[in-house]
């Protein structure tokens, strides 16, 4: 959603048997590369390497709560590093915050 006009900037319609997380890179690709994406907010279903990688590739911040009992990923990519920060931050105050 475009924050200034509240215009929806990307949409994908799926069937019941399609997972949402694999579609996130396609949703981001619906926005031109020259358009800044400040952040991507999603639920824990999007706590996946492919999602974090696509978000970081667009120089955006991921606002995705880690799944329950999440462990840190091997930090081989910028997406994994961003996700590990979320896991560390959620350990102390809890996932609800």
PDB file of N, CA and C in Angstrom:
ATOM      1  N   UNK A   1       0.848  -1.157   0.000  1.00  0.00           N
ATOM      2  CA  UNK A   1       0.000   0.000   0.000  1.00  0.00           C
ATOM      3  C   UNK A   1       0.905   1.234   0.000  1.00  0.00           C
ATOM      4  N   UNK A   2       0.560   2.184  -0.818  1.00  0.00           N
ATOM      5  CA  UNK A   2       1.320   3.419  -0.900  1.00  0.00           C
ATOM      6  C   UNK A   2       0.884   4.312   0.252  1.00  0.00           C
ATOM      7  N   UNK A   3       1.825   4.673   1.101  1.00  0.00           N
ATOM      8  CA  UNK A   3       1.493   5.327   2.358  1.00  0.00           C
ATOM      9  C   UNK A   3       0.849   6.709   2.203  1.00  0.00           C
ATOM     10  N   UNK A   4       1.200   7.442   1.177  1.00  0.00           N
ATOM     11  CA  UNK A   4       0.646   8.795   1.025  1.00  0.00           C
ATOM     12  C   UNK A   4      -0.801   8.800   0.540  1.00  0.00           C
ATOM     13  N   UNK A   5      -1.151   7.874  -0.353  1.00  0.00           N
ATOM     14  CA  UNK A   5      -2.500   7.857  -0.921  1.00  0.00           C
ATOM     15  C   UNK A   5      -3.325   6.661  -0.467  1.00  0.00           C
ATOM     16  N   UNK A   6      -2.720   5.734   0.266  1.00  0.00           N
ATOM     17  CA  UNK A   6      -3.340   4.482   0.694  1.00  0.00           C
ATOM     18  C   UNK A   6      -3.748   3.611  -0.495  1.00  0.00           C
ATOM     19  N   UNK A   7      -3.091   3.825  -1.610  1.00  0.00           N
ATOM     20  CA  UNK A   7      -3.332   3.052  -2.827  1.00  0.00           C
ATOM     21  C   UNK A   7      -2.632   1.696  -2.707  1.00  0.00           C
ATOM     22  N   UNK A   8      -3.343   0.626  -3.043  1.00  0.00           N
ATOM     23  CA  UNK A   8      -2.746  -0.707  -3.057  1.00  0.00           C
ATOM     24  C   UNK A   8      -1.788  -0.781  -4.236  1.00  0.00           C
ATOM     25  N   UNK A   9      -0.554  -1.191  -3.996  1.00  0.00           N
ATOM     26  CA  UNK A   9       0.481  -1.184  -5.027  1.00  0.00           C
ATOM     27  C   UNK A   9       0.759  -2.559  -5.618  1.00  0.00           C
ATOM     28  N   UNK A  10       0.319  -3.615  -4.970  1.00  0.00           N
ATOM     29  CA  UNK A  10       0.545  -4.964  -5.498  1.00  0.00           C
ATOM     30  C   UNK A  10      -0.558  -5.877  -4.985  1.00  0.00           C
ATOM     31  N   UNK A  11      -0.971  -6.803  -5.840  1.00  0.00           N
ATOM     32  CA  UNK A  11      -2.012  -7.742  -5.441  1.00  0.00           C
ATOM     33  C   UNK A  11      -1.800  -9.065  -6.183  1.00  0.00           C
ATOM     34  N   UNK A  12      -2.141 -10.134  -5.520  1.00  0.00           N
ATOM     35  CA  UNK A  12      -2.054 -11.464  -6.123  1.00  0.00           C
ATOM     36  C   UNK A  12      -3.217 -12.277  -5.566  1.00  0.00           C
ATOM     37  N   UNK A  13      -4.018 -12.855  -6.426  1.00  0.00           N
ATOM     38  CA  UNK A  13      -5.140 -13.688  -6.018  1.00  0.00           C
ATOM     39  C   UNK A  13      -4.695 -15.142  -6.136  1.00  0.00           C
ATOM     40  N   UNK A  14      -4.931 -15.913  -5.067  1.00  0.00           N
ATOM     41  CA  UNK A  14      -4.494 -17.305  -5.052  1.00  0.00           C
ATOM     42  C   UNK A  14      -5.661 -18.230  -4.729  1.00  0.00           C
ATOM     43  N   UNK A  15      -5.429 -19.485  -4.960  1.00  0.00           N
ATOM     44  CA  UNK A  15      -6.392 -20.504  -4.559  1.00  0.00           C
ATOM     45  C   UNK A  15      -6.054 -20.950  -3.139  1.00  0.00           C
ATOM     46  N   UNK A  16      -6.906 -21.766  -2.558  1.00  0.00           N
ATOM     47  CA  UNK A  16      -6.692 -22.237  -1.188  1.00  0.00           C
ATOM     48  C   UNK A  16      -5.448 -23.092  -1.029  1.00  0.00           C
ATOM     49  N   UNK A  17      -4.989 -23.722  -2.098  1.00  0.00           N
ATOM     50  CA  UNK A  17      -3.843 -24.619  -1.966  1.00  0.00           C
ATOM     51  C   UNK A  17      -2.509 -23.923  -2.261  1.00  0.00           C
ATOM     52  N   UNK A  18      -2.515 -22.631  -2.438  1.00  0.00           N
ATOM     53  CA  UNK A  18      -1.272 -21.894  -2.711  1.00  0.00           C
ATOM     54  C   UNK A  18      -0.757 -21.257  -1.428  1.00  0.00           C
ATOM     55  N   UNK A  19       0.541 -21.404  -1.197  1.00  0.00           N
ATOM     56  CA  UNK A  19       1.160 -20.742  -0.059  1.00  0.00           C
ATOM     57  C   UNK A  19       1.409 -19.280  -0.387  1.00  0.00           C
ATOM     58  N   UNK A  20       1.299 -18.420   0.595  1.00  0.00           N
ATOM     59  CA  UNK A  20       1.472 -16.997   0.356  1.00  0.00           C
ATOM     60  C   UNK A  20       2.926 -16.577   0.320  1.00  0.00           C
ATOM     61  N   UNK A  21       3.754 -17.131   1.172  1.00  0.00           N
ATOM     62  CA  UNK A  21       5.151 -16.715   1.261  1.00  0.00           C
ATOM     63  C   UNK A  21       5.901 -16.821  -0.072  1.00  0.00           C
ATOM     64  N   UNK A  22       5.720 -17.884  -0.853  1.00  0.00           N
ATOM     65  CA  UNK A  22       6.449 -17.951  -2.130  1.00  0.00           C
ATOM     66  C   UNK A  22       6.074 -16.840  -3.118  1.00  0.00           C
ATOM     67  N   UNK A  23       4.931 -16.189  -2.901  1.00  0.00           N
ATOM     68  CA  UNK A  23       4.486 -15.139  -3.812  1.00  0.00           C
ATOM     69  C   UNK A  23       5.025 -13.755  -3.469  1.00  0.00           C
ATOM     70  N   UNK A  24       5.623 -13.595  -2.307  1.00  0.00           N
ATOM     71  CA  UNK A  24       6.080 -12.273  -1.898  1.00  0.00           C
ATOM     72  C   UNK A  24       7.062 -11.653  -2.896  1.00  0.00           C
ATOM     73  N   UNK A  25       8.064 -12.380  -3.399  1.00  0.00           N
ATOM     74  CA  UNK A  25       8.951 -11.757  -4.393  1.00  0.00           C
ATOM     75  C   UNK A  25       8.199 -11.241  -5.621  1.00  0.00           C
ATOM     76  N   UNK A  26       7.184 -11.962  -6.072  1.00  0.00           N
ATOM     77  CA  UNK A  26       6.382 -11.516  -7.220  1.00  0.00           C
ATOM     78  C   UNK A  26       5.595 -10.250  -6.885  1.00  0.00           C
ATOM     79  N   UNK A  27       5.096 -10.171  -5.656  1.00  0.00           N
ATOM     80  CA  UNK A  27       4.382  -8.962  -5.238  1.00  0.00           C
ATOM     81  C   UNK A  27       5.316  -7.753  -5.248  1.00  0.00           C
ATOM     82  N   UNK A  28       6.523  -7.929  -4.747  1.00  0.00           N
ATOM     83  CA  UNK A  28       7.481  -6.824  -4.747  1.00  0.00           C
ATOM     84  C   UNK A  28       7.856  -6.427  -6.166  1.00  0.00           C
ATOM     85  N   UNK A  29       7.930  -7.404  -7.057  1.00  0.00           N
ATOM     86  CA  UNK A  29       8.282  -7.124  -8.459  1.00  0.00           C
ATOM     87  C   UNK A  29       7.203  -6.346  -9.196  1.00  0.00           C
ATOM     88  N   UNK A  30       5.990  -6.279  -8.645  1.00  0.00           N
ATOM     89  CA  UNK A  30       4.928  -5.492  -9.273  1.00  0.00           C
ATOM     90  C   UNK A  30       5.180  -3.991  -9.128  1.00  0.00           C
ATOM     91  N   UNK A  31       6.129  -3.641  -8.279  1.00  0.00           N
ATOM     92  CA  UNK A  31       6.517  -2.242  -8.095  1.00  0.00           C
ATOM     93  C   UNK A  31       7.803  -1.991  -8.875  1.00  0.00           C
ATOM     94  N   UNK A  32       7.861  -0.917  -9.662  1.00  0.00           N
ATOM     95  CA  UNK A  32       9.073  -0.623 -10.428  1.00  0.00           C
ATOM     96  C   UNK A  32      10.300  -0.518  -9.519  1.00  0.00           C
ATOM     97  N   UNK A  33      11.451  -0.919 -10.036  1.00  0.00           N
ATOM     98  CA  UNK A  33      12.678  -0.900  -9.249  1.00  0.00           C
ATOM     99  C   UNK A  33      13.055   0.497  -8.771  1.00  0.00           C
ATOM    100  N   UNK A  34      12.647   1.522  -9.504  1.00  0.00           N
ATOM    101  CA  UNK A  34      12.997   2.879  -9.088  1.00  0.00           C
ATOM    102  C   UNK A  34      12.074   3.415  -7.992  1.00  0.00           C
ATOM    103  N   UNK A  35      11.054   2.653  -7.612  1.00  0.00           N
ATOM    104  CA  UNK A  35      10.161   3.054  -6.522  1.00  0.00           C
ATOM    105  C   UNK A  35      10.697   2.512  -5.206  1.00  0.00           C
ATOM    106  N   UNK A  36      10.829   3.386  -4.248  1.00  0.00           N
ATOM    107  CA  UNK A  36      11.329   3.006  -2.939  1.00  0.00           C
ATOM    108  C   UNK A  36      10.246   2.250  -2.166  1.00  0.00           C
ATOM    109  N   UNK A  37      10.634   1.126  -1.590  1.00  0.00           N
ATOM    110  CA  UNK A  37       9.763   0.378  -0.685  1.00  0.00           C
ATOM    111  C   UNK A  37      10.411   0.506   0.685  1.00  0.00           C
ATOM    112  N   UNK A  38       9.766   1.221   1.587  1.00  0.00           N
ATOM    113  CA  UNK A  38      10.351   1.464   2.900  1.00  0.00           C
ATOM    114  C   UNK A  38      10.345   0.237   3.790  1.00  0.00           C
ATOM    115  N   UNK A  39       9.211  -0.456   3.828  1.00  0.00           N
ATOM    116  CA  UNK A  39       9.103  -1.639   4.673  1.00  0.00           C
ATOM    117  C   UNK A  39       8.037  -2.573   4.125  1.00  0.00           C
ATOM    118  N   UNK A  40       8.153  -3.826   4.530  1.00  0.00           N
ATOM    119  CA  UNK A  40       7.179  -4.851   4.176  1.00  0.00           C
ATOM    120  C   UNK A  40       6.712  -5.472   5.486  1.00  0.00           C
ATOM    121  N   UNK A  41       5.419  -5.407   5.728  1.00  0.00           N
ATOM    122  CA  UNK A  41       4.843  -5.955   6.954  1.00  0.00           C
ATOM    123  C   UNK A  41       4.029  -7.195   6.602  1.00  0.00           C
ATOM    124  N   UNK A  42       4.270  -8.265   7.337  1.00  0.00           N
ATOM    125  CA  UNK A  42       3.560  -9.521   7.077  1.00  0.00           C
ATOM    126  C   UNK A  42       3.504 -10.337   8.366  1.00  0.00           C
ATOM    127  N   UNK A  43       2.696 -11.398   8.365  1.00  0.00           N
ATOM    128  CA  UNK A  43       2.629 -12.254   9.544  1.00  0.00           C
ATOM    129  C   UNK A  43       3.719 -13.324   9.484  1.00  0.00           C
ATOM    130  N   UNK A  44       3.767 -14.172  10.520  1.00  0.00           N
ATOM    131  CA  UNK A  44       4.862 -15.154  10.625  1.00  0.00           C
ATOM    132  C   UNK A  44       4.868 -16.196   9.513  1.00  0.00           C
ATOM    133  N   UNK A  45       3.810 -16.296   8.746  1.00  0.00           N
ATOM    134  CA  UNK A  45       3.820 -17.219   7.605  1.00  0.00           C
ATOM    135  C   UNK A  45       4.873 -16.805   6.573  1.00  0.00           C
ATOM    136  N   UNK A  46       5.262 -15.534   6.598  1.00  0.00           N
ATOM    137  CA  UNK A  46       6.260 -15.014   5.662  1.00  0.00           C
ATOM    138  C   UNK A  46       7.670 -15.075   6.233  1.00  0.00           C
ATOM    139  N   UNK A  47       7.854 -15.731   7.355  1.00  0.00           N
ATOM    140  CA  UNK A  47       9.168 -15.895   7.982  1.00  0.00           C
ATOM    141  C   UNK A  47       9.925 -16.975   7.209  1.00  0.00           C
ATOM    142  N   UNK A  48      10.397 -16.593   6.033  1.00  0.00           N
ATOM    143  CA  UNK A  48      11.081 -17.533   5.132  1.00  0.00           C
ATOM    144  C   UNK A  48      12.260 -16.838   4.465  1.00  0.00           C
ATOM    145  N   UNK A  49      13.280 -17.625   4.158  1.00  0.00           N
ATOM    146  CA  UNK A  49      14.496 -17.070   3.538  1.00  0.00           C
ATOM    147  C   UNK A  49      14.199 -16.310   2.249  1.00  0.00           C
ATOM    148  N   UNK A  50      13.343 -16.878   1.432  1.00  0.00           N
ATOM    149  CA  UNK A  50      13.028 -16.243   0.155  1.00  0.00           C
ATOM    150  C   UNK A  50      12.378 -14.872   0.362  1.00  0.00           C
ATOM    151  N   UNK A  51      11.530 -14.764   1.363  1.00  0.00           N
ATOM    152  CA  UNK A  51      10.867 -13.489   1.648  1.00  0.00           C
ATOM    153  C   UNK A  51      11.872 -12.455   2.121  1.00  0.00           C
ATOM    154  N   UNK A  52      12.687 -12.822   3.102  1.00  0.00           N
ATOM    155  CA  UNK A  52      13.678 -11.874   3.600  1.00  0.00           C
ATOM    156  C   UNK A  52      14.652 -11.472   2.504  1.00  0.00           C
ATOM    157  N   UNK A  53      15.056 -12.424   1.673  1.00  0.00           N
ATOM    158  CA  UNK A  53      15.973 -12.106   0.582  1.00  0.00           C
ATOM    159  C   UNK A  53      15.384 -11.113  -0.393  1.00  0.00           C
ATOM    160  N   UNK A  54      14.104 -11.292  -0.737  1.00  0.00           N
ATOM    161  CA  UNK A  54      13.437 -10.382  -1.673  1.00  0.00           C
ATOM    162  C   UNK A  54      13.265  -8.992  -1.071  1.00  0.00           C
ATOM    163  N   UNK A  55      12.966  -8.937   0.207  1.00  0.00           N
ATOM    164  CA  UNK A  55      12.779  -7.645   0.873  1.00  0.00           C
ATOM    165  C   UNK A  55      14.098  -6.880   0.948  1.00  0.00           C
ATOM    166  N   UNK A  56      15.147  -7.552   1.364  1.00  0.00           N
ATOM    167  CA  UNK A  56      16.454  -6.905   1.472  1.00  0.00           C
ATOM    168  C   UNK A  56      16.968  -6.498   0.089  1.00  0.00           C
ATOM    169  N   UNK A  57      16.670  -7.280  -0.935  1.00  0.00           N
ATOM    170  CA  UNK A  57      17.100  -6.937  -2.300  1.00  0.00           C
ATOM    171  C   UNK A  57      16.479  -5.621  -2.765  1.00  0.00           C
ATOM    172  N   UNK A  58      15.330  -5.268  -2.202  1.00  0.00           N
ATOM    173  CA  UNK A  58      14.677  -3.996  -2.543  1.00  0.00           C
ATOM    174  C   UNK A  58      15.037  -2.889  -1.554  1.00  0.00           C
ATOM    175  N   UNK A  59      16.032  -3.130  -0.716  1.00  0.00           N
ATOM    176  CA  UNK A  59      16.492  -2.158   0.288  1.00  0.00           C
ATOM    177  C   UNK A  59      15.361  -1.735   1.229  1.00  0.00           C
ATOM    178  N   UNK A  60      14.497  -2.670   1.552  1.00  0.00           N
ATOM    179  CA  UNK A  60      13.379  -2.399   2.453  1.00  0.00           C
ATOM    180  C   UNK A  60      13.623  -3.091   3.788  1.00  0.00           C
ATOM    181  N   UNK A  61      12.859  -2.717   4.779  1.00  0.00           N
ATOM    182  CA  UNK A  61      12.935  -3.329   6.100  1.00  0.00           C
ATOM    183  C   UNK A  61      11.809  -4.349   6.226  1.00  0.00           C
ATOM    184  N   UNK A  62      12.144  -5.524   6.740  1.00  0.00           N
ATOM    185  CA  UNK A  62      11.145  -6.567   6.959  1.00  0.00           C
ATOM    186  C   UNK A  62      10.558  -6.414   8.352  1.00  0.00           C
ATOM    187  N   UNK A  63       9.239  -6.330   8.418  1.00  0.00           N
ATOM    188  CA  UNK A  63       8.537  -6.307   9.698  1.00  0.00           C
ATOM    189  C   UNK A  63       7.699  -7.577   9.735  1.00  0.00           C
ATOM    190  N   UNK A  64       8.372  -8.649  10.116  1.00  0.00           N
ATOM    191  CA  UNK A  64       7.773  -9.979  10.124  1.00  0.00           C
ATOM    192  C   UNK A  64       8.116 -10.640  11.451  1.00  0.00           C
ATOM    193  N   UNK A  65       7.132 -11.004  12.255  1.00  0.00           N
ATOM    194  CA  UNK A  65       7.469 -11.681  13.505  1.00  0.00           C
ATOM    195  C   UNK A  65       8.008 -13.082  13.219  1.00  0.00           C
ATOM    196  N   UNK A  66       9.061 -13.479  13.905  1.00  0.00           N
ATOM    197  CA  UNK A  66       9.580 -14.841  13.729  1.00  0.00           C
ATOM    198  C   UNK A  66       8.547 -15.859  14.196  1.00  0.00           C
ATOM    199  N   UNK A  67       8.622 -17.035  13.618  1.00  0.00           N
ATOM    200  CA  UNK A  67       7.718 -18.109  14.050  1.00  0.00           C
ATOM    201  C   UNK A  67       8.036 -18.499  15.490  1.00  0.00           C
ATOM    202  N   UNK A  68       7.083 -19.112  16.133  1.00  0.00           N
ATOM    203  CA  UNK A  68       7.264 -19.553  17.514  1.00  0.00           C
ATOM    204  C   UNK A  68       8.458 -20.509  17.592  1.00  0.00           C
ATOM    205  N   UNK A  69       9.275 -20.357  18.615  1.00  0.00           N
ATOM    206  CA  UNK A  69      10.468 -21.187  18.851  1.00  0.00           C
ATOM    207  C   UNK A  69      11.488 -21.090  17.717  1.00  0.00           C
ATOM    208  N   UNK A  70      11.574 -19.948  17.078  1.00  0.00           N
ATOM    209  CA  UNK A  70      12.514 -19.753  15.972  1.00  0.00           C
ATOM    210  C   UNK A  70      13.955 -19.804  16.448  1.00  0.00           C
ATOM    211  N   UNK A  71      14.786 -20.323  15.620  1.00  0.00           N
ATOM    212  CA  UNK A  71      16.234 -20.340  15.837  1.00  0.00           C
ATOM    213  C   UNK A  71      16.872 -19.429  14.799  1.00  0.00           C
ATOM    214  N   UNK A  72      18.038 -18.912  15.107  1.00  0.00           N
ATOM    215  CA  UNK A  72      18.756 -18.064  14.160  1.00  0.00           C
ATOM    216  C   UNK A  72      19.188 -18.880  12.949  1.00  0.00           C
ATOM    217  N   UNK A  73      19.245 -18.197  11.808  1.00  0.00           N
ATOM    218  CA  UNK A  73      19.736 -18.819  10.575  1.00  0.00           C
ATOM    219  C   UNK A  73      21.223 -18.573  10.451  1.00  0.00           C
ATOM    220  N   UNK A  74      21.888 -19.423   9.716  1.00  0.00           N
ATOM    221  CA  UNK A  74      23.292 -19.214   9.407  1.00  0.00           C
ATOM    222  C   UNK A  74      23.378 -17.934   8.582  1.00  0.00           C
ATOM    223  N   UNK A  75      24.062 -16.896   9.080  1.00  0.00           N
ATOM    224  CA  UNK A  75      24.034 -15.587   8.409  1.00  0.00           C
ATOM    225  C   UNK A  75      24.901 -15.509   7.159  1.00  0.00           C
ATOM    226  N   UNK A  76      24.470 -16.168   6.110  1.00  0.00           N
ATOM    227  CA  UNK A  76      25.208 -16.137   4.846  1.00  0.00           C
ATOM    228  C   UNK A  76      24.687 -15.071   3.902  1.00  0.00           C
ATOM    229  N   UNK A  77      23.550 -14.476   4.224  1.00  0.00           N
ATOM    230  CA  UNK A  77      22.973 -13.465   3.338  1.00  0.00           C
ATOM    231  C   UNK A  77      22.444 -12.302   4.169  1.00  0.00           C
ATOM    232  N   UNK A  78      22.226 -11.183   3.497  1.00  0.00           N
ATOM    233  CA  UNK A  78      21.684 -10.008   4.181  1.00  0.00           C
ATOM    234  C   UNK A  78      20.288 -10.298   4.730  1.00  0.00           C
ATOM    235  N   UNK A  79      19.511 -11.113   4.024  1.00  0.00           N
ATOM    236  CA  UNK A  79      18.181 -11.472   4.498  1.00  0.00           C
ATOM    237  C   UNK A  79      18.239 -12.257   5.797  1.00  0.00           C
ATOM    238  N   UNK A  80      19.195 -13.180   5.900  1.00  0.00           N
ATOM    239  CA  UNK A  80      19.345 -13.975   7.122  1.00  0.00           C
ATOM    240  C   UNK A  80      19.784 -13.096   8.285  1.00  0.00           C
ATOM    241  N   UNK A  81      20.638 -12.135   8.022  1.00  0.00           N
ATOM    242  CA  UNK A  81      21.097 -11.231   9.076  1.00  0.00           C
ATOM    243  C   UNK A  81      19.924 -10.401   9.595  1.00  0.00           C
ATOM    244  N   UNK A  82      19.092  -9.883   8.693  1.00  0.00           N
ATOM    245  CA  UNK A  82      17.927  -9.097   9.100  1.00  0.00           C
ATOM    246  C   UNK A  82      16.961  -9.946   9.915  1.00  0.00           C
ATOM    247  N   UNK A  83      16.760 -11.166   9.512  1.00  0.00           N
ATOM    248  CA  UNK A  83      15.831 -12.049  10.216  1.00  0.00           C
ATOM    249  C   UNK A  83      16.377 -12.423  11.588  1.00  0.00           C
ATOM    250  N   UNK A  84      17.689 -12.652  11.683  1.00  0.00           N
ATOM    251  CA  UNK A  84      18.286 -12.995  12.977  1.00  0.00           C
ATOM    252  C   UNK A  84      18.131 -11.858  13.978  1.00  0.00           C
ATOM    253  N   UNK A  85      18.169 -10.629  13.501  1.00  0.00           N
ATOM    254  CA  UNK A  85      17.951  -9.480  14.388  1.00  0.00           C
ATOM    255  C   UNK A  85      16.534  -9.514  14.963  1.00  0.00           C
ATOM    256  N   UNK A  86      15.567  -9.913  14.152  1.00  0.00           N
ATOM    257  CA  UNK A  86      14.182 -10.011  14.622  1.00  0.00           C
ATOM    258  C   UNK A  86      14.039 -11.131  15.645  1.00  0.00           C
ATOM    259  N   UNK A  87      14.716 -12.256  15.429  1.00  0.00           N
ATOM    260  CA  UNK A  87      14.666 -13.373  16.377  1.00  0.00           C
ATOM    261  C   UNK A  87      15.261 -12.939  17.705  1.00  0.00           C
ATOM    262  N   UNK A  88      16.413 -12.285  17.662  1.00  0.00           N
ATOM    263  CA  UNK A  88      17.072 -11.823  18.886  1.00  0.00           C
ATOM    264  C   UNK A  88      16.205 -10.807  19.620  1.00  0.00           C
ATOM    265  N   UNK A  89      15.631  -9.873  18.891  1.00  0.00           N
ATOM    266  CA  UNK A  89      14.800  -8.839  19.512  1.00  0.00           C
ATOM    267  C   UNK A  89      13.551  -9.415  20.159  1.00  0.00           C
ATOM    268  N   UNK A  90      13.016 -10.499  19.604  1.00  0.00           N
ATOM    269  CA  UNK A  90      11.763 -11.058  20.135  1.00  0.00           C
ATOM    270  C   UNK A  90      11.984 -11.988  21.323  1.00  0.00           C
ATOM    271  N   UNK A  91      13.231 -12.373  21.578  1.00  0.00           N
ATOM    272  CA  UNK A  91      13.483 -13.300  22.685  1.00  0.00           C
ATOM    273  C   UNK A  91      13.179 -12.690  24.045  1.00  0.00           C
ATOM    274  N   UNK A  92      13.526 -11.447  24.223  1.00  0.00           N
ATOM    275  CA  UNK A  92      13.410 -10.847  25.553  1.00  0.00           C
ATOM    276  C   UNK A  92      12.016 -10.319  25.841  1.00  0.00           C
ATOM    277  N   UNK A  93      11.461  -9.441  25.024  1.00  0.00           N
ATOM    278  CA  UNK A  93      10.115  -8.964  25.362  1.00  0.00           C
ATOM    279  C   UNK A  93       9.019  -9.938  24.944  1.00  0.00           C
ATOM    280  N   UNK A  94       9.327 -10.860  24.045  1.00  0.00           N
ATOM    281  CA  UNK A  94       8.335 -11.815  23.587  1.00  0.00           C
ATOM    282  C   UNK A  94       7.799 -11.480  22.203  1.00  0.00           C
ATOM    283  N   UNK A  95       7.234 -12.475  21.541  1.00  0.00           N
ATOM    284  CA  UNK A  95       6.740 -12.320  20.185  1.00  0.00           C
ATOM    285  C   UNK A  95       5.556 -11.369  20.106  1.00  0.00           C
ATOM    286  N   UNK A  96       4.737 -11.301  21.141  1.00  0.00           N
ATOM    287  CA  UNK A  96       3.522 -10.482  21.100  1.00  0.00           C
ATOM    288  C   UNK A  96       3.834  -9.008  20.877  1.00  0.00           C
ATOM    289  N   UNK A  97       4.970  -8.569  21.372  1.00  0.00           N
ATOM    290  CA  UNK A  97       5.342  -7.156  21.219  1.00  0.00           C
ATOM    291  C   UNK A  97       5.852  -6.950  19.815  1.00  0.00           C
TER     292      UNK A  97
END
